[in-house]
Protein backbone atom coordinates (compact mmCIF):
# COMPACT_ATOMS: atom_id res chain seq x y z
CA MET A 1 -0.08 -0.09 -0.21
CA TYR A 2 1.49 3.60 -1.01
CA VAL A 3 1.26 6.46 1.52
CA TYR A 4 1.42 9.99 1.00
CA LEU A 5 2.40 12.58 2.66
CA TYR A 6 1.58 16.45 1.47
CA ASP A 7 2.98 19.50 1.55
CA PRO A 8 0.72 21.24 3.69
CA ALA A 9 1.11 24.16 0.78
CA LEU A 10 -0.34 21.91 -1.72
CA LYS A 11 -3.67 23.26 0.27
CA GLU A 12 -2.83 26.63 -1.44
CA LYS A 13 -5.03 26.81 -5.03
CA ARG A 14 -2.05 27.61 -7.44
CA PHE A 15 -1.64 23.99 -6.39
CA GLN A 16 -5.19 22.74 -7.40
CA SER A 17 -4.53 22.06 -10.59
CA ILE A 18 -1.40 20.18 -10.45
CA MET A 19 -2.40 17.72 -7.44
CA LYS A 20 -5.41 17.28 -9.75
CA THR A 21 -3.34 16.09 -12.27
CA VAL A 22 -1.27 14.60 -10.11
CA GLU A 23 -3.96 12.71 -8.82
CA ASN A 24 -6.17 11.51 -12.14
CA ARG A 25 -2.46 9.88 -12.76
CA LEU A 26 -2.17 7.44 -9.51
CA THR A 27 -5.51 6.55 -10.31
CA ASP A 28 -4.23 5.48 -13.40
CA PHE A 29 -1.60 3.46 -13.03
CA GLY A 30 -3.62 2.50 -9.68
CA ILE A 31 -1.31 3.82 -7.17
CA THR A 32 -3.36 5.47 -5.69
CA GLY A 33 -3.05 5.25 -1.38
CA ARG A 34 -3.85 6.84 1.57
CA ILE A 35 -3.03 10.22 1.94
CA ILE A 36 -2.00 12.32 5.44
CA ARG A 37 -1.60 16.39 5.04
CA LEU A 38 1.34 17.55 7.14
CA THR A 39 1.50 20.62 8.86
CA PRO A 40 5.25 22.65 9.36
CA PHE A 41 5.97 20.90 12.44
CA THR A 42 4.73 17.51 11.93
CA ASN A 43 7.54 14.69 12.95
CA ALA A 44 6.80 12.34 10.14
CA LYS A 45 8.25 9.57 11.56
CA PRO A 46 5.93 8.10 14.08
CA ILE A 47 3.29 9.63 11.94
CA ILE A 48 5.31 6.71 9.52
CA GLU A 49 5.78 3.63 11.56
CA ASP A 50 1.88 3.95 12.59
CA GLU A 51 1.69 3.39 8.73
CA VAL A 52 3.97 0.85 8.50
CA ALA A 53 1.91 -1.23 11.45
CA ARG A 54 -0.79 -1.12 9.11
CA GLY A 55 1.20 -3.26 6.65
CA SER A 56 1.97 -0.06 4.39
CA LYS A 57 5.56 -0.21 3.01
CA THR A 58 6.54 2.91 0.31
CA PHE A 59 5.27 6.07 1.48
CA VAL A 60 5.81 8.79 -1.10
CA ILE A 61 6.78 12.78 -0.89
CA VAL A 62 4.87 15.16 -2.51
CA GLY A 63 5.67 18.22 -2.36
CA ASN A 64 9.42 20.48 -2.31
CA ASP A 65 12.75 19.91 -1.34
CA THR A 66 12.58 21.66 1.88
CA THR A 67 9.70 19.43 2.56
CA PHE A 68 11.69 16.16 1.15
CA GLY A 69 14.74 17.37 3.49
CA HIS A 70 12.19 18.19 6.78
CA ILE A 71 10.45 13.94 6.44
CA MET A 72 14.13 12.97 5.64
CA SER A 73 16.66 14.38 8.71
CA SER A 74 14.16 11.93 11.21
CA SER A 75 13.06 9.07 9.39
CA ALA A 76 14.76 8.17 6.01
CA ALA A 77 16.46 5.32 8.08
CA LEU A 78 13.06 3.55 8.51
CA PRO A 79 12.45 0.33 6.60
CA VAL A 80 10.48 1.25 3.90
CA THR A 81 10.61 2.71 0.03
CA PHE A 82 10.11 6.14 -0.26
CA GLY A 83 9.07 7.67 -3.07
CA TYR A 84 8.69 11.35 -4.53
CA ILE A 85 6.17 13.69 -6.68
CA PRO A 86 7.97 16.97 -6.25
CA VAL A 87 5.32 19.64 -7.15
CA GLY A 88 6.88 23.14 -8.71
CA ASP A 89 8.65 24.96 -10.73
CA ASP A 90 12.26 23.57 -9.20
CA SER A 91 13.52 20.62 -7.64
CA ALA A 92 17.04 19.98 -7.21
CA VAL A 93 17.23 16.80 -5.69
CA ALA A 94 14.75 15.91 -7.96
CA HIS A 95 16.95 16.07 -10.77
CA SER A 96 20.06 14.40 -9.35
CA LEU A 97 16.87 11.66 -8.76
CA GLY A 98 15.93 11.41 -12.29
CA ILE A 99 12.66 12.77 -11.41
CA PRO A 100 10.17 14.84 -13.72
CA LEU A 101 8.37 17.45 -11.83
CA ASN A 102 4.19 17.53 -11.51
CA ALA A 103 2.52 14.79 -13.02
CA PRO A 104 5.40 13.33 -15.15
CA ALA A 105 6.40 11.94 -11.38
CA VAL A 106 4.02 9.42 -11.00
CA ASP A 107 5.80 7.94 -14.44
CA VAL A 108 9.11 7.10 -12.72
CA LEU A 109 6.63 6.20 -9.20
CA SER A 110 5.28 3.22 -11.01
CA ALA A 111 7.91 2.14 -12.44
CA ARG A 112 10.13 1.20 -9.07
CA LYS A 113 13.31 1.42 -10.12
CA ILE A 114 14.41 1.10 -6.30
CA GLU A 115 18.71 2.43 -5.24
CA PRO A 116 19.64 2.11 -2.12
CA LEU A 117 21.51 5.49 -1.41
CA ASP A 118 23.68 6.32 1.25
CA ILE A 119 22.55 8.91 4.53
CA GLY A 120 24.42 11.04 6.67
CA TRP A 121 23.64 11.76 10.19
CA MET A 122 24.72 14.93 11.68
CA ASN A 123 23.96 16.29 15.31
CA ASN A 124 21.31 13.20 15.70
CA ARG A 125 19.29 13.89 12.19
CA TYR A 126 19.43 12.07 9.47
CA PHE A 127 20.60 14.67 5.72
CA ILE A 128 20.10 13.07 1.83
CA SER A 129 21.41 15.77 0.82
CA ARG A 130 24.05 18.91 0.85
CA ILE A 131 25.04 20.67 5.22
CA GLU A 132 26.46 24.22 3.88
CA ILE A 133 27.46 26.03 6.85
CA GLU A 134 28.04 29.67 6.28
CA PRO A 135 31.79 30.91 6.27
CA ALA A 136 33.37 31.17 10.22
CA PRO A 137 35.70 30.64 12.68
CA LEU A 138 36.34 26.90 12.23
CA SER A 139 38.36 23.54 12.81
CA VAL A 140 38.03 20.75 10.85
CA GLU A 141 38.44 16.90 11.94
CA TYR A 142 38.20 14.31 10.18
CA ASP A 143 38.42 10.85 10.02
CA ALA A 144 39.70 11.53 13.42
CA GLN A 145 43.73 11.87 12.10
CA PHE A 146 43.44 14.38 9.65
CA ARG A 147 42.94 18.67 10.72
CA VAL A 148 41.95 22.31 8.45
CA ARG A 149 41.84 25.09 10.29
CA ALA A 150 41.13 28.93 9.43
CA ARG A 151 44.46 30.55 10.29
CA ASP A 152 43.62 33.86 9.07
CA GLY A 153 40.88 34.47 8.05
CA GLU A 154 36.82 32.30 7.83
CA MET A 155 36.18 29.07 6.32
CA GLY A 156 33.14 28.30 4.38
CA VAL A 157 32.78 24.19 5.32
CA THR A 158 29.70 22.44 2.68
CA ILE A 159 29.13 18.31 2.82
CA CYS A 160 27.60 16.98 0.44
CA ASN A 161 25.93 13.38 -0.58
CA LEU A 162 23.59 13.56 -3.03
CA LEU A 163 23.15 17.35 -4.19
CA PRO A 164 26.88 18.97 -5.75
CA PHE A 165 28.96 21.79 -4.29
CA GLN A 166 27.70 24.99 -5.56
CA GLY A 167 31.01 27.10 -4.44
CA ALA A 168 33.02 29.71 -6.30
CA HIS A 169 35.47 28.13 -8.10
CA LEU A 170 35.22 25.63 -10.78
CA GLY A 171 37.15 22.98 -9.95
CA ALA A 172 35.86 22.02 -7.24
CA ARG A 173 32.13 22.46 -8.49
CA ASP A 174 33.68 20.08 -11.73
CA HIS A 175 33.37 17.22 -8.68
CA VAL A 176 30.83 14.21 -9.54
CA VAL A 177 29.01 13.61 -5.77
CA HIS A 178 27.94 9.99 -5.56
CA PRO A 179 25.44 9.07 -2.93
CA GLN A 180 26.25 5.88 -3.50
CA ASP A 181 30.05 5.93 -3.06
CA VAL A 182 29.82 4.84 0.63
CA GLN A 183 31.66 8.07 1.84
CA LEU A 184 30.76 11.83 2.32
CA ASP A 185 32.79 14.82 0.39
CA ALA A 186 33.59 17.56 2.54
CA PHE A 187 34.07 20.89 0.80
CA LEU A 188 36.09 23.97 2.54
CA GLU A 189 37.10 27.24 1.20
CA PRO A 190 39.08 29.73 2.87
CA VAL A 191 37.48 33.12 3.30
CA GLU A 192 38.53 36.49 4.68
CA LYS A 193 36.74 40.14 5.47
CA LYS A 194 38.09 42.77 3.22
CA ARG A 195 37.88 45.82 5.38
CA TRP A 196 37.28 48.03 3.43
CA PHE A 197 34.54 46.78 1.86
CA ARG A 198 33.13 45.12 4.52
CA LYS A 199 32.83 41.92 2.18
CA ARG A 200 33.62 38.15 3.15
CA VAL A 201 35.65 37.65 0.35
CA THR A 202 37.05 33.38 -1.79
CA THR A 203 40.89 33.74 -1.37
CA GLN A 204 41.45 29.79 -2.72
CA ALA A 205 40.21 27.57 -4.64
CA ALA A 206 37.96 25.10 -2.11
CA SER A 207 39.81 21.80 -0.95
CA ILE A 208 37.84 18.82 -1.32
CA PHE A 209 38.42 16.11 0.92
CA PRO A 210 35.92 12.74 0.95
CA PHE A 211 35.33 11.58 4.28
CA ARG A 212 33.63 9.13 6.71
CA GLU A 213 33.35 10.44 10.00
CA MET A 214 34.14 14.97 10.63
CA VAL A 215 33.54 16.92 13.29
CA ILE A 216 33.64 20.74 12.89
CA ARG A 217 34.01 23.49 15.62
CA GLY A 218 33.48 26.72 16.39
CA ARG A 219 35.50 29.89 18.00
CA ARG A 220 31.68 31.01 18.07
CA PRO A 221 28.01 29.45 16.97
CA PHE A 222 27.81 28.92 13.31
CA THR A 223 25.11 29.11 10.81
CA VAL A 224 24.28 25.93 9.59
CA VAL A 225 22.16 24.76 6.30
CA ALA A 226 20.99 20.92 6.70
CA ASP A 227 18.58 20.53 3.71
CA GLY A 228 16.57 23.50 3.77
CA ARG A 229 16.26 23.53 7.17
CA HIS A 230 18.55 26.41 9.20
CA SER A 231 20.60 26.26 12.89
CA LYS A 232 22.81 27.52 14.57
CA GLU A 233 25.94 24.91 16.50
CA ILE A 234 29.30 25.64 18.23
CA SER A 235 30.15 21.49 17.56
CA LEU A 236 29.06 19.48 14.90
CA SER A 237 29.78 16.17 14.83
CA ILE A 238 28.65 13.94 11.11
CA LYS A 239 29.14 10.41 9.81
CA LEU A 240 28.31 8.49 6.87
CA ALA A 241 24.81 6.14 8.60
CA ASP A 242 25.46 2.99 9.21
CA VAL A 243 21.92 2.47 7.36
CA LYS A 244 20.76 2.36 3.75
CA LEU A 245 17.39 4.79 2.31
CA LYS A 246 15.45 2.95 0.16
CA MET A 247 14.56 5.69 -2.97
CA VAL A 248 12.52 5.24 -6.43
CA VAL A 249 14.73 6.40 -8.34
CA GLY A 250 14.25 7.75 -12.84
CA LYS A 251 16.61 6.41 -15.15
CA GLU A 252 18.46 10.25 -15.53
CA ARG A 253 19.15 9.84 -12.18
CA MET A 254 22.87 11.93 -12.02
CA PHE A 255 24.71 8.56 -10.54
CA GLY A 256 25.04 4.88 -10.81
CA LEU A 257 24.87 4.88 -14.79
CA SER A 258 27.69 3.27 -15.35
């Protein structure tokens, strides 16, 4: 049985036409199921666990990348299969997974091509796509043996799993991240403040460090964006989770094609 986890925004008028087409297509493929409408503060994990107890095995996130990340932060390691129907004009997650926007995503869902994906674990919650840490005086220790520190300025850090690095330098952006390679990729960008402009300026190309465990510490609280969720941290423990995410993907996915 399929369970559809609806983004709270889908009740807005601007999505009514799209959702009618999506639901009609689900009916055509014979994969309709229970619809659960989430709120911005819903913890999806107990909901999914209750539905599993009733016999459900496939859970489809319907909405945008923020909702995708919110659900995955608590539920990615559950022993179920996840699907994704991205609704709207853009979805970086869907692009990486090879899933088209809106109603055509139902075709991918119905084909049920399932791939195991790596999961990241960060300060007691999961992440799937990417962590971005704003420039700050940071020290980074990875795999319990290597340490990197911003000496004369600040350092921005991006941790990638499913989504690629989006920093300033082409060399790092050309690095292909792979959510099935049993590692995470860290991109470290040294920056310095130009006092006369009061701006942060990237001074070097990003360094790339594949890793399995990392600890990031700051001299003061720093801003973290993990799969769209903002927080302030003074220390961040990141590692590759021991379990995999079972995800429905499309033929046009950006990984696992060789």
